[in-house]
Amino acid sequence: MARRLRLAAAVLGSAGLGGCITAPPIDNPVLLHTAAENPILVSPGAPTGQSYKEVFERCVNVIDDYFTIYDANLAAGKIICQPRIAPGYEQIWRPGNPNPRNRLLATLQTIRQTAVIDIHTGERGGYLVAVTVMMEEEDLPRPSRVQTGAVFQEAPTVDRHLEVVGPAPVAPSGTSWYPIGRDFAFEQYLLQRIRRCQ
């Protein structure tokens, strides 16, 4: 009987080490990470003209760190930003892609981001701030910097390509963009910054 109990304990122990037991520990801090709601409640309490203006200015201050504002309509409670080219790993100093996957995607492809912030009065006081960041990918007829045909070099030549790092270039006529979805990680990052400004 004791031998059977030891055998059963050994089987259960090896099953636990082998991965059959999948319940994570209760005190795991990684699993307790929760995303902010979208929209978030900002400045709870009775809405006043002054508190609305403060919330609007807070949103403008946060979003203009990343985007150029196209239209900030205080009366409508809407902030619309101009599209910008998302930074990849080659521009690690530029903020804007907190998700490593999206930053890698922006390194390999030309990705454009557009942000819109909507501010509405909450049902029970305060203001609901919603952030939407849309991503678009550039549709090129052929890859850039591609050489057609065979190129044979008998002697080495110096071929220097100068690239100016600066603001995002304006898309030439003939290029088109197609939507690839929302950037939820960047939305959450912006919402957390707006919430921390309280």
N, C-alpha and C. Protein backbone atom coordinates (compact mmCIF):
# COMPACT_ATOMS: atom_id res chain seq x y z
N MET A 1 0.82 -1.20 0.00
CA MET A 1 0.00 0.00 0.00
C MET A 1 0.86 1.27 0.00
N ALA A 2 1.90 1.29 0.82
CA ALA A 2 2.79 2.44 0.88
C ALA A 2 3.53 2.62 -0.44
N ARG A 3 3.83 1.49 -1.07
CA ARG A 3 4.52 1.58 -2.35
C ARG A 3 3.63 2.24 -3.41
N ARG A 4 2.33 1.92 -3.40
CA ARG A 4 1.38 2.51 -4.36
C ARG A 4 1.23 4.01 -4.10
N LEU A 5 1.20 4.42 -2.85
CA LEU A 5 1.09 5.85 -2.54
C LEU A 5 2.33 6.62 -3.01
N ARG A 6 3.52 6.02 -2.82
CA ARG A 6 4.73 6.67 -3.30
C ARG A 6 4.74 6.77 -4.82
N LEU A 7 4.27 5.73 -5.50
CA LEU A 7 4.21 5.73 -6.96
C LEU A 7 3.23 6.80 -7.46
N ALA A 8 2.07 6.91 -6.80
CA ALA A 8 1.08 7.93 -7.19
C ALA A 8 1.63 9.34 -6.95
N ALA A 9 2.33 9.54 -5.83
CA ALA A 9 2.93 10.85 -5.54
C ALA A 9 4.00 11.18 -6.57
N ALA A 10 4.79 10.19 -6.98
CA ALA A 10 5.84 10.43 -7.97
C ALA A 10 5.23 10.79 -9.33
N VAL A 11 4.15 10.11 -9.71
CA VAL A 11 3.48 10.40 -10.98
C VAL A 11 2.89 11.81 -10.96
N LEU A 12 2.22 12.17 -9.88
CA LEU A 12 1.65 13.52 -9.78
C LEU A 12 2.73 14.58 -9.74
N GLY A 13 3.82 14.30 -9.06
CA GLY A 13 4.93 15.26 -9.00
C GLY A 13 5.57 15.46 -10.36
N SER A 14 5.78 14.38 -11.11
CA SER A 14 6.37 14.51 -12.44
C SER A 14 5.40 15.18 -13.41
N ALA A 15 4.10 14.96 -13.25
CA ALA A 15 3.12 15.64 -14.10
C ALA A 15 3.13 17.13 -13.82
N GLY A 16 3.31 17.51 -12.55
CA GLY A 16 3.37 18.93 -12.20
C GLY A 16 4.61 19.59 -12.78
N LEU A 17 5.74 18.86 -12.78
CA LEU A 17 6.96 19.43 -13.34
C LEU A 17 6.92 19.42 -14.86
N GLY A 18 6.16 18.52 -15.44
CA GLY A 18 6.09 18.39 -16.89
C GLY A 18 5.18 19.40 -17.55
N GLY A 19 4.43 20.14 -16.79
CA GLY A 19 3.61 21.17 -17.39
C GLY A 19 2.14 20.86 -17.43
N CYS A 20 1.70 19.80 -16.82
CA CYS A 20 0.27 19.49 -16.84
C CYS A 20 -0.52 20.42 -15.94
N ILE A 21 0.11 20.93 -14.91
CA ILE A 21 -0.58 21.85 -14.02
C ILE A 21 -0.35 23.26 -14.58
N THR A 22 -1.42 23.91 -15.01
CA THR A 22 -1.27 25.19 -15.71
C THR A 22 -1.78 26.38 -14.94
N ALA A 23 -2.24 26.19 -13.72
CA ALA A 23 -2.75 27.33 -12.96
C ALA A 23 -1.60 28.22 -12.51
N PRO A 24 -1.63 29.51 -12.85
CA PRO A 24 -0.55 30.40 -12.44
C PRO A 24 -0.67 30.74 -10.96
N PRO A 25 0.42 31.15 -10.36
CA PRO A 25 0.33 31.56 -8.96
C PRO A 25 -0.57 32.77 -8.80
N ILE A 26 -1.23 32.85 -7.66
CA ILE A 26 -2.18 33.93 -7.43
C ILE A 26 -1.50 35.29 -7.32
N ASP A 27 -0.29 35.31 -6.78
CA ASP A 27 0.39 36.59 -6.57
C ASP A 27 1.29 36.97 -7.74
N ASN A 28 1.00 36.51 -8.95
CA ASN A 28 1.79 36.83 -10.13
C ASN A 28 1.46 38.25 -10.58
N PRO A 29 2.40 39.22 -10.48
CA PRO A 29 2.07 40.59 -10.82
C PRO A 29 1.87 40.81 -12.32
N VAL A 30 2.45 39.94 -13.15
CA VAL A 30 2.30 40.12 -14.60
C VAL A 30 0.86 39.88 -15.02
N LEU A 31 0.22 38.90 -14.41
CA LEU A 31 -1.14 38.57 -14.79
C LEU A 31 -2.16 39.57 -14.25
N LEU A 32 -1.78 40.37 -13.27
CA LEU A 32 -2.71 41.32 -12.70
C LEU A 32 -2.72 42.64 -13.43
N HIS A 33 -1.89 42.78 -14.48
CA HIS A 33 -1.86 44.02 -15.25
C HIS A 33 -3.17 44.18 -16.03
N THR A 34 -3.85 45.29 -15.82
CA THR A 34 -5.09 45.54 -16.53
C THR A 34 -4.97 46.80 -17.36
N ALA A 35 -5.61 46.80 -18.49
CA ALA A 35 -5.58 47.97 -19.36
C ALA A 35 -6.62 48.97 -18.91
N ALA A 36 -6.35 50.22 -19.22
CA ALA A 36 -7.31 51.27 -18.89
C ALA A 36 -8.50 51.16 -19.83
N GLU A 37 -9.63 51.61 -19.36
CA GLU A 37 -10.81 51.61 -20.21
C GLU A 37 -10.63 52.68 -21.28
N ASN A 38 -11.35 52.53 -22.35
CA ASN A 38 -11.34 53.55 -23.40
C ASN A 38 -12.79 53.79 -23.78
N PRO A 39 -13.43 54.83 -23.35
CA PRO A 39 -12.92 56.07 -22.75
C PRO A 39 -12.69 55.96 -21.24
N ILE A 40 -11.87 56.88 -20.74
CA ILE A 40 -11.61 56.94 -19.31
C ILE A 40 -12.35 58.14 -18.72
N LEU A 41 -12.62 58.05 -17.43
CA LEU A 41 -13.28 59.15 -16.72
C LEU A 41 -12.19 60.06 -16.16
N VAL A 42 -12.26 61.34 -16.54
CA VAL A 42 -11.27 62.32 -16.10
C VAL A 42 -12.00 63.43 -15.36
N SER A 43 -11.39 63.91 -14.30
CA SER A 43 -11.91 65.03 -13.51
C SER A 43 -13.32 64.77 -13.03
N PRO A 44 -13.49 63.74 -12.16
CA PRO A 44 -14.83 63.46 -11.67
C PRO A 44 -15.36 64.62 -10.84
N GLY A 45 -16.66 64.71 -10.79
CA GLY A 45 -17.32 65.79 -10.08
C GLY A 45 -18.28 66.49 -11.01
N ALA A 46 -18.87 67.55 -10.52
CA ALA A 46 -19.83 68.30 -11.33
C ALA A 46 -19.09 69.01 -12.47
N PRO A 47 -19.52 68.81 -13.74
CA PRO A 47 -18.86 69.48 -14.86
C PRO A 47 -19.09 70.99 -14.83
N THR A 48 -18.02 71.72 -15.01
CA THR A 48 -18.10 73.18 -15.13
C THR A 48 -17.32 73.60 -16.36
N GLY A 49 -17.48 74.82 -16.76
CA GLY A 49 -16.75 75.33 -17.92
C GLY A 49 -15.25 75.32 -17.70
N GLN A 50 -14.82 75.66 -16.49
CA GLN A 50 -13.39 75.69 -16.18
C GLN A 50 -12.79 74.29 -16.17
N SER A 51 -13.51 73.31 -15.58
CA SER A 51 -12.97 71.95 -15.54
C SER A 51 -12.92 71.35 -16.95
N TYR A 52 -13.91 71.68 -17.81
CA TYR A 52 -13.89 71.19 -19.19
C TYR A 52 -12.68 71.75 -19.93
N LYS A 53 -12.41 73.03 -19.74
CA LYS A 53 -11.27 73.66 -20.41
C LYS A 53 -9.96 73.04 -19.94
N GLU A 54 -9.86 72.72 -18.64
CA GLU A 54 -8.65 72.09 -18.12
C GLU A 54 -8.45 70.70 -18.71
N VAL A 55 -9.53 69.92 -18.83
CA VAL A 55 -9.43 68.58 -19.41
C VAL A 55 -9.02 68.67 -20.88
N PHE A 56 -9.61 69.61 -21.60
CA PHE A 56 -9.29 69.78 -23.02
C PHE A 56 -7.82 70.17 -23.19
N GLU A 57 -7.33 71.11 -22.40
CA GLU A 57 -5.93 71.54 -22.49
C GLU A 57 -4.98 70.41 -22.09
N ARG A 58 -5.38 69.60 -21.13
CA ARG A 58 -4.56 68.45 -20.74
C ARG A 58 -4.41 67.48 -21.90
N CYS A 59 -5.51 67.21 -22.60
CA CYS A 59 -5.46 66.31 -23.76
C CYS A 59 -4.58 66.89 -24.87
N VAL A 60 -4.70 68.21 -25.10
CA VAL A 60 -3.86 68.85 -26.12
C VAL A 60 -2.39 68.75 -25.74
N ASN A 61 -2.08 68.98 -24.46
CA ASN A 61 -0.68 68.92 -24.01
C ASN A 61 -0.09 67.53 -24.18
N VAL A 62 -0.88 66.49 -23.95
CA VAL A 62 -0.36 65.13 -24.08
C VAL A 62 -0.21 64.75 -25.55
N ILE A 63 -1.22 65.03 -26.36
CA ILE A 63 -1.19 64.55 -27.75
C ILE A 63 -0.18 65.31 -28.62
N ASP A 64 0.09 66.58 -28.30
CA ASP A 64 1.03 67.32 -29.15
C ASP A 64 2.48 66.94 -28.89
N ASP A 65 2.74 66.06 -27.92
CA ASP A 65 4.08 65.51 -27.77
C ASP A 65 4.39 64.48 -28.85
N TYR A 66 3.36 63.94 -29.49
CA TYR A 66 3.52 62.86 -30.46
C TYR A 66 3.03 63.22 -31.86
N PHE A 67 2.01 64.05 -31.96
CA PHE A 67 1.39 64.37 -33.24
C PHE A 67 1.34 65.87 -33.44
N THR A 68 1.20 66.28 -34.69
CA THR A 68 0.89 67.66 -35.02
C THR A 68 -0.63 67.77 -35.08
N ILE A 69 -1.18 68.71 -34.33
CA ILE A 69 -2.63 68.84 -34.25
C ILE A 69 -3.16 69.53 -35.50
N TYR A 70 -4.12 68.89 -36.14
CA TYR A 70 -4.75 69.45 -37.33
C TYR A 70 -5.91 70.36 -36.93
N ASP A 71 -6.75 69.91 -36.00
CA ASP A 71 -7.90 70.70 -35.57
C ASP A 71 -8.20 70.37 -34.12
N ALA A 72 -8.27 71.40 -33.28
CA ALA A 72 -8.64 71.24 -31.87
C ALA A 72 -9.89 72.08 -31.65
N ASN A 73 -11.05 71.43 -31.66
CA ASN A 73 -12.33 72.13 -31.56
C ASN A 73 -12.83 72.02 -30.12
N LEU A 74 -12.72 73.11 -29.38
CA LEU A 74 -13.13 73.13 -27.98
C LEU A 74 -14.63 72.95 -27.85
N ALA A 75 -15.42 73.54 -28.76
CA ALA A 75 -16.87 73.45 -28.67
C ALA A 75 -17.37 72.03 -28.93
N ALA A 76 -16.75 71.33 -29.87
CA ALA A 76 -17.17 69.97 -30.20
C ALA A 76 -16.51 68.92 -29.31
N GLY A 77 -15.45 69.29 -28.59
CA GLY A 77 -14.74 68.34 -27.75
C GLY A 77 -13.99 67.31 -28.57
N LYS A 78 -13.38 67.75 -29.67
CA LYS A 78 -12.70 66.82 -30.57
C LYS A 78 -11.34 67.38 -30.94
N ILE A 79 -10.32 66.53 -30.90
CA ILE A 79 -8.96 66.88 -31.32
C ILE A 79 -8.58 65.90 -32.42
N ILE A 80 -8.28 66.43 -33.60
CA ILE A 80 -7.89 65.60 -34.75
C ILE A 80 -6.44 65.92 -35.07
N CYS A 81 -5.64 64.88 -35.25
CA CYS A 81 -4.22 65.06 -35.51
C CYS A 81 -3.89 64.70 -36.96
N GLN A 82 -2.81 65.30 -37.44
CA GLN A 82 -2.32 64.97 -38.77
C GLN A 82 -1.63 63.61 -38.74
N PRO A 83 -1.67 62.88 -39.83
CA PRO A 83 -0.97 61.59 -39.87
C PRO A 83 0.53 61.79 -39.70
N ARG A 84 1.16 60.82 -39.07
CA ARG A 84 2.61 60.84 -38.93
C ARG A 84 3.15 59.45 -39.19
N ILE A 85 4.39 59.39 -39.65
CA ILE A 85 5.03 58.11 -39.89
C ILE A 85 5.47 57.54 -38.54
N ALA A 86 5.04 56.32 -38.26
CA ALA A 86 5.36 55.69 -36.97
C ALA A 86 6.84 55.36 -36.91
N PRO A 87 7.48 55.64 -35.77
CA PRO A 87 8.91 55.34 -35.66
C PRO A 87 9.16 53.86 -35.44
N GLY A 88 10.24 53.38 -36.03
CA GLY A 88 10.66 52.00 -35.83
C GLY A 88 11.89 51.95 -34.94
N TYR A 89 12.56 50.81 -34.95
CA TYR A 89 13.75 50.66 -34.13
C TYR A 89 14.92 51.51 -34.64
N GLU A 90 14.87 51.92 -35.89
CA GLU A 90 15.95 52.78 -36.39
C GLU A 90 15.85 54.19 -35.83
N GLN A 91 14.71 54.54 -35.25
CA GLN A 91 14.51 55.84 -34.59
C GLN A 91 14.06 55.59 -33.16
N ILE A 92 14.89 54.92 -32.41
CA ILE A 92 14.53 54.49 -31.06
C ILE A 92 14.31 55.68 -30.12
N TRP A 93 14.89 56.82 -30.44
CA TRP A 93 14.74 58.01 -29.59
C TRP A 93 13.36 58.65 -29.73
N ARG A 94 12.63 58.36 -30.81
CA ARG A 94 11.30 58.94 -31.01
C ARG A 94 10.26 58.11 -30.29
N PRO A 95 9.44 58.72 -29.44
CA PRO A 95 8.39 57.96 -28.77
C PRO A 95 7.22 57.72 -29.71
N GLY A 96 6.39 56.76 -29.36
CA GLY A 96 5.17 56.58 -30.14
C GLY A 96 4.79 55.16 -30.43
N ASN A 97 5.65 54.20 -30.18
CA ASN A 97 5.31 52.80 -30.37
C ASN A 97 5.71 52.03 -29.13
N PRO A 98 4.86 52.00 -28.09
CA PRO A 98 5.25 51.28 -26.88
C PRO A 98 5.25 49.76 -27.05
N ASN A 99 4.56 49.26 -28.06
CA ASN A 99 4.50 47.82 -28.30
C ASN A 99 5.69 47.39 -29.16
N PRO A 100 6.53 46.45 -28.72
CA PRO A 100 7.69 46.04 -29.52
C PRO A 100 7.30 45.48 -30.89
N ARG A 101 6.16 44.80 -30.97
CA ARG A 101 5.72 44.25 -32.26
C ARG A 101 5.42 45.36 -33.25
N ASN A 102 4.69 46.40 -32.79
CA ASN A 102 4.35 47.51 -33.68
C ASN A 102 5.59 48.30 -34.09
N ARG A 103 6.57 48.42 -33.18
CA ARG A 103 7.80 49.13 -33.53
C ARG A 103 8.60 48.33 -34.56
N LEU A 104 8.62 47.01 -34.43
CA LEU A 104 9.30 46.18 -35.42
C LEU A 104 8.58 46.26 -36.77
N LEU A 105 7.25 46.25 -36.74
CA LEU A 105 6.48 46.39 -37.98
C LEU A 105 6.77 47.73 -38.65
N ALA A 106 6.89 48.80 -37.85
CA ALA A 106 7.20 50.11 -38.42
C ALA A 106 8.64 50.19 -38.92
N THR A 107 9.51 49.31 -38.44
CA THR A 107 10.88 49.25 -38.96
C THR A 107 10.91 48.61 -40.33
N LEU A 108 10.09 47.59 -40.53
CA LEU A 108 10.11 46.83 -41.77
C LEU A 108 9.17 47.39 -42.83
N GLN A 109 8.15 48.10 -42.44
CA GLN A 109 7.15 48.67 -43.36
C GLN A 109 6.97 50.15 -43.04
N THR A 110 6.42 50.90 -43.97
CA THR A 110 6.07 52.28 -43.70
C THR A 110 4.67 52.29 -43.12
N ILE A 111 4.58 52.64 -41.83
CA ILE A 111 3.30 52.67 -41.12
C ILE A 111 3.00 54.12 -40.77
N ARG A 112 1.74 54.50 -40.96
CA ARG A 112 1.30 55.85 -40.64
C ARG A 112 0.24 55.76 -39.54
N GLN A 113 0.33 56.67 -38.56
CA GLN A 113 -0.62 56.71 -37.45
C GLN A 113 -1.41 58.01 -37.50
N THR A 114 -2.68 57.92 -37.16
CA THR A 114 -3.55 59.09 -37.03
C THR A 114 -4.31 58.97 -35.72
N ALA A 115 -4.36 60.07 -34.96
CA ALA A 115 -5.02 60.04 -33.65
C ALA A 115 -6.19 61.00 -33.61
N VAL A 116 -7.25 60.59 -32.91
CA VAL A 116 -8.44 61.42 -32.69
C VAL A 116 -8.81 61.27 -31.21
N ILE A 117 -9.06 62.40 -30.54
CA ILE A 117 -9.50 62.39 -29.15
C ILE A 117 -10.89 63.00 -29.09
N ASP A 118 -11.81 62.29 -28.42
CA ASP A 118 -13.18 62.77 -28.22
C ASP A 118 -13.39 62.97 -26.72
N ILE A 119 -13.97 64.12 -26.36
CA ILE A 119 -14.25 64.43 -24.96
C ILE A 119 -15.75 64.68 -24.83
N HIS A 120 -16.40 63.94 -23.93
CA HIS A 120 -17.84 64.08 -23.70
C HIS A 120 -18.09 64.17 -22.20
N THR A 121 -19.20 64.76 -21.84
CA THR A 121 -19.59 64.83 -20.43
C THR A 121 -20.07 63.45 -19.99
N GLY A 122 -19.61 63.01 -18.82
CA GLY A 122 -20.01 61.72 -18.29
C GLY A 122 -21.43 61.76 -17.75
N GLU A 123 -22.07 60.60 -17.67
CA GLU A 123 -23.45 60.53 -17.18
C GLU A 123 -23.54 60.87 -15.69
N ARG A 124 -22.51 60.52 -14.94
CA ARG A 124 -22.53 60.76 -13.49
C ARG A 124 -21.49 61.80 -13.09
N GLY A 125 -21.17 62.70 -13.98
CA GLY A 125 -20.19 63.74 -13.69
C GLY A 125 -18.85 63.43 -14.34
N GLY A 126 -18.00 64.42 -14.39
CA GLY A 126 -16.69 64.27 -15.00
C GLY A 126 -16.78 64.25 -16.52
N TYR A 127 -15.68 63.88 -17.16
CA TYR A 127 -15.60 63.86 -18.62
C TYR A 127 -15.03 62.53 -19.08
N LEU A 128 -15.63 62.00 -20.13
CA LEU A 128 -15.15 60.77 -20.74
C LEU A 128 -14.23 61.13 -21.90
N VAL A 129 -12.98 60.68 -21.83
CA VAL A 129 -11.99 60.96 -22.86
C VAL A 129 -11.70 59.66 -23.60
N ALA A 130 -11.96 59.65 -24.91
CA ALA A 130 -11.71 58.48 -25.76
C ALA A 130 -10.59 58.81 -26.73
N VAL A 131 -9.62 57.92 -26.84
CA VAL A 131 -8.49 58.09 -27.76
C VAL A 131 -8.54 56.96 -28.78
N THR A 132 -8.47 57.32 -30.06
CA THR A 132 -8.43 56.34 -31.15
C THR A 132 -7.20 56.61 -32.00
N VAL A 133 -6.33 55.62 -32.13
CA VAL A 133 -5.14 55.72 -32.98
C VAL A 133 -5.27 54.67 -34.07
N MET A 134 -5.40 55.13 -35.29
CA MET A 134 -5.53 54.23 -36.44
C MET A 134 -4.17 54.08 -37.12
N MET A 135 -3.90 52.86 -37.62
CA MET A 135 -2.66 52.60 -38.35
C MET A 135 -3.00 52.30 -39.81
N GLU A 136 -2.15 52.81 -40.69
CA GLU A 136 -2.27 52.56 -42.12
C GLU A 136 -0.91 52.14 -42.66
N GLU A 137 -0.94 51.30 -43.66
CA GLU A 137 0.30 50.85 -44.30
C GLU A 137 0.36 51.40 -45.72
N GLU A 138 1.56 51.74 -46.14
CA GLU A 138 1.73 52.32 -47.47
C GLU A 138 1.69 51.21 -48.52
N ASP A 139 0.95 51.46 -49.58
CA ASP A 139 0.82 50.51 -50.68
C ASP A 139 1.68 51.01 -51.83
N LEU A 140 2.81 50.37 -52.03
CA LEU A 140 3.73 50.76 -53.10
C LEU A 140 3.59 49.82 -54.28
N PRO A 141 3.72 50.33 -55.51
CA PRO A 141 3.62 49.44 -56.66
C PRO A 141 4.78 48.44 -56.71
N ARG A 142 5.95 48.83 -56.20
CA ARG A 142 7.09 47.93 -56.11
C ARG A 142 7.95 48.39 -54.93
N PRO A 143 8.80 47.54 -54.41
CA PRO A 143 9.64 47.94 -53.29
C PRO A 143 10.54 49.11 -53.65
N SER A 144 10.78 49.99 -52.71
CA SER A 144 11.70 51.10 -52.97
C SER A 144 13.12 50.56 -52.93
N ARG A 145 14.02 51.26 -53.62
CA ARG A 145 15.43 50.90 -53.71
C ARG A 145 15.65 49.52 -54.30
N VAL A 146 14.89 49.19 -55.30
CA VAL A 146 15.08 47.90 -55.95
C VAL A 146 15.75 48.16 -57.30
N GLN A 147 16.73 47.33 -57.65
CA GLN A 147 17.41 47.48 -58.93
C GLN A 147 16.85 46.44 -59.89
N THR A 148 16.54 46.90 -61.09
CA THR A 148 16.00 45.97 -62.07
C THR A 148 17.14 45.47 -62.95
N GLY A 149 17.08 44.22 -63.29
CA GLY A 149 18.10 43.64 -64.15
C GLY A 149 19.34 43.25 -63.37
N ALA A 150 20.30 42.66 -64.08
CA ALA A 150 21.54 42.24 -63.45
C ALA A 150 22.52 43.41 -63.43
N VAL A 151 23.23 43.55 -62.35
CA VAL A 151 24.22 44.60 -62.21
C VAL A 151 25.56 43.93 -61.91
N PHE A 152 26.52 44.14 -62.82
CA PHE A 152 27.85 43.57 -62.63
C PHE A 152 28.82 44.71 -62.41
N GLN A 153 29.63 44.60 -61.40
CA GLN A 153 30.63 45.62 -61.13
C GLN A 153 32.01 45.00 -61.23
N GLU A 154 32.84 45.61 -62.07
CA GLU A 154 34.20 45.13 -62.19
C GLU A 154 35.12 45.87 -61.24
N ALA A 155 34.81 47.12 -60.99
CA ALA A 155 35.63 47.91 -60.07
C ALA A 155 34.71 48.48 -59.00
N PRO A 156 35.17 48.53 -57.76
CA PRO A 156 34.31 49.10 -56.72
C PRO A 156 34.10 50.59 -56.94
N THR A 157 32.88 51.02 -56.72
CA THR A 157 32.56 52.44 -56.86
C THR A 157 32.04 52.96 -55.54
N VAL A 158 32.14 54.24 -55.36
CA VAL A 158 31.61 54.86 -54.16
C VAL A 158 30.21 55.36 -54.49
N ASP A 159 29.25 54.82 -53.80
CA ASP A 159 27.86 55.22 -54.03
C ASP A 159 27.28 55.62 -52.68
N ARG A 160 27.13 56.90 -52.48
CA ARG A 160 26.65 57.40 -51.20
C ARG A 160 25.20 57.83 -51.33
N HIS A 161 24.37 57.30 -50.42
CA HIS A 161 22.98 57.70 -50.34
C HIS A 161 22.82 58.53 -49.08
N LEU A 162 22.44 59.76 -49.23
CA LEU A 162 22.23 60.62 -48.08
C LEU A 162 20.77 60.58 -47.70
N GLU A 163 20.53 60.32 -46.43
CA GLU A 163 19.17 60.31 -45.92
C GLU A 163 19.05 61.36 -44.85
N VAL A 164 18.11 62.26 -45.01
CA VAL A 164 17.89 63.31 -44.04
C VAL A 164 16.86 62.83 -43.03
N VAL A 165 17.24 62.86 -41.76
CA VAL A 165 16.32 62.47 -40.70
C VAL A 165 15.64 63.74 -40.21
N GLY A 166 14.35 63.78 -40.33
CA GLY A 166 13.59 64.97 -39.92
C GLY A 166 12.13 64.63 -39.83
N PRO A 167 11.29 65.64 -40.05
CA PRO A 167 9.85 65.37 -39.98
C PRO A 167 9.42 64.40 -41.07
N ALA A 168 8.29 63.80 -40.85
CA ALA A 168 7.76 62.81 -41.79
C ALA A 168 7.52 63.46 -43.14
N PRO A 169 7.97 62.80 -44.21
CA PRO A 169 7.78 63.38 -45.53
C PRO A 169 6.32 63.34 -45.96
N VAL A 170 5.94 64.29 -46.79
CA VAL A 170 4.59 64.31 -47.34
C VAL A 170 4.51 63.25 -48.42
N ALA A 171 3.46 62.47 -48.41
CA ALA A 171 3.32 61.38 -49.37
C ALA A 171 3.18 61.94 -50.77
N PRO A 172 4.00 61.47 -51.70
CA PRO A 172 3.87 61.95 -53.07
C PRO A 172 2.58 61.45 -53.69
N SER A 173 2.16 62.15 -54.74
CA SER A 173 0.94 61.73 -55.40
C SER A 173 1.16 60.37 -56.03
N GLY A 174 0.15 59.55 -56.02
CA GLY A 174 0.27 58.21 -56.56
C GLY A 174 0.43 57.15 -55.48
N THR A 175 0.81 57.55 -54.27
CA THR A 175 0.90 56.56 -53.20
C THR A 175 -0.44 56.46 -52.51
N SER A 176 -0.72 55.31 -52.01
CA SER A 176 -1.99 55.12 -51.31
C SER A 176 -1.72 54.39 -50.01
N TRP A 177 -2.63 54.56 -49.08
CA TRP A 177 -2.54 53.95 -47.76
C TRP A 177 -3.78 53.10 -47.53
N TYR A 178 -3.62 51.99 -46.87
CA TYR A 178 -4.78 51.18 -46.52
C TYR A 178 -4.73 50.87 -45.02
N PRO A 179 -5.90 50.86 -44.38
CA PRO A 179 -5.94 50.67 -42.93
C PRO A 179 -5.55 49.25 -42.54
N ILE A 180 -4.82 49.15 -41.43
CA ILE A 180 -4.44 47.84 -40.90
C ILE A 180 -4.93 47.65 -39.47
N GLY A 181 -5.70 48.62 -38.94
CA GLY A 181 -6.27 48.44 -37.62
C GLY A 181 -5.89 49.54 -36.65
N ARG A 182 -6.27 49.32 -35.40
CA ARG A 182 -5.99 50.30 -34.36
C ARG A 182 -4.73 49.91 -33.60
N ASP A 183 -4.06 50.92 -33.07
CA ASP A 183 -2.87 50.72 -32.25
C ASP A 183 -3.31 50.81 -30.79
N PHE A 184 -3.79 49.69 -30.25
CA PHE A 184 -4.33 49.67 -28.90
C PHE A 184 -3.28 49.99 -27.84
N ALA A 185 -2.04 49.53 -28.07
CA ALA A 185 -0.99 49.79 -27.07
C ALA A 185 -0.69 51.28 -26.97
N PHE A 186 -0.65 51.97 -28.10
CA PHE A 186 -0.39 53.41 -28.09
C PHE A 186 -1.58 54.16 -27.49
N GLU A 187 -2.80 53.70 -27.76
CA GLU A 187 -3.99 54.31 -27.15
C GLU A 187 -3.92 54.22 -25.63
N GLN A 188 -3.57 53.03 -25.12
CA GLN A 188 -3.48 52.84 -23.68
C GLN A 188 -2.40 53.74 -23.07
N TYR A 189 -1.28 53.87 -23.77
CA TYR A 189 -0.20 54.73 -23.30
C TYR A 189 -0.66 56.18 -23.19
N LEU A 190 -1.36 56.67 -24.23
CA LEU A 190 -1.86 58.05 -24.20
C LEU A 190 -2.91 58.25 -23.11
N LEU A 191 -3.80 57.27 -22.93
CA LEU A 191 -4.82 57.37 -21.88
C LEU A 191 -4.19 57.41 -20.49
N GLN A 192 -3.16 56.62 -20.28
CA GLN A 192 -2.49 56.63 -18.98
C GLN A 192 -1.80 57.97 -18.73
N ARG A 193 -1.23 58.56 -19.79
CA ARG A 193 -0.61 59.88 -19.61
C ARG A 193 -1.66 60.94 -19.31
N ILE A 194 -2.81 60.87 -19.95
CA ILE A 194 -3.88 61.84 -19.68
C ILE A 194 -4.38 61.65 -18.25
N ARG A 195 -4.52 60.42 -17.80
CA ARG A 195 -4.99 60.16 -16.44
C ARG A 195 -3.97 60.64 -15.39
N ARG A 196 -2.68 60.45 -15.65
CA ARG A 196 -1.64 60.85 -14.69
C ARG A 196 -1.56 62.35 -14.53
N CYS A 197 -2.03 63.11 -15.50
CA CYS A 197 -1.96 64.57 -15.43
C CYS A 197 -2.95 65.16 -14.44
N GLN A 198 -3.82 64.33 -13.86
CA GLN A 198 -4.85 64.84 -12.94
C GLN A 198 -4.22 65.42 -11.70
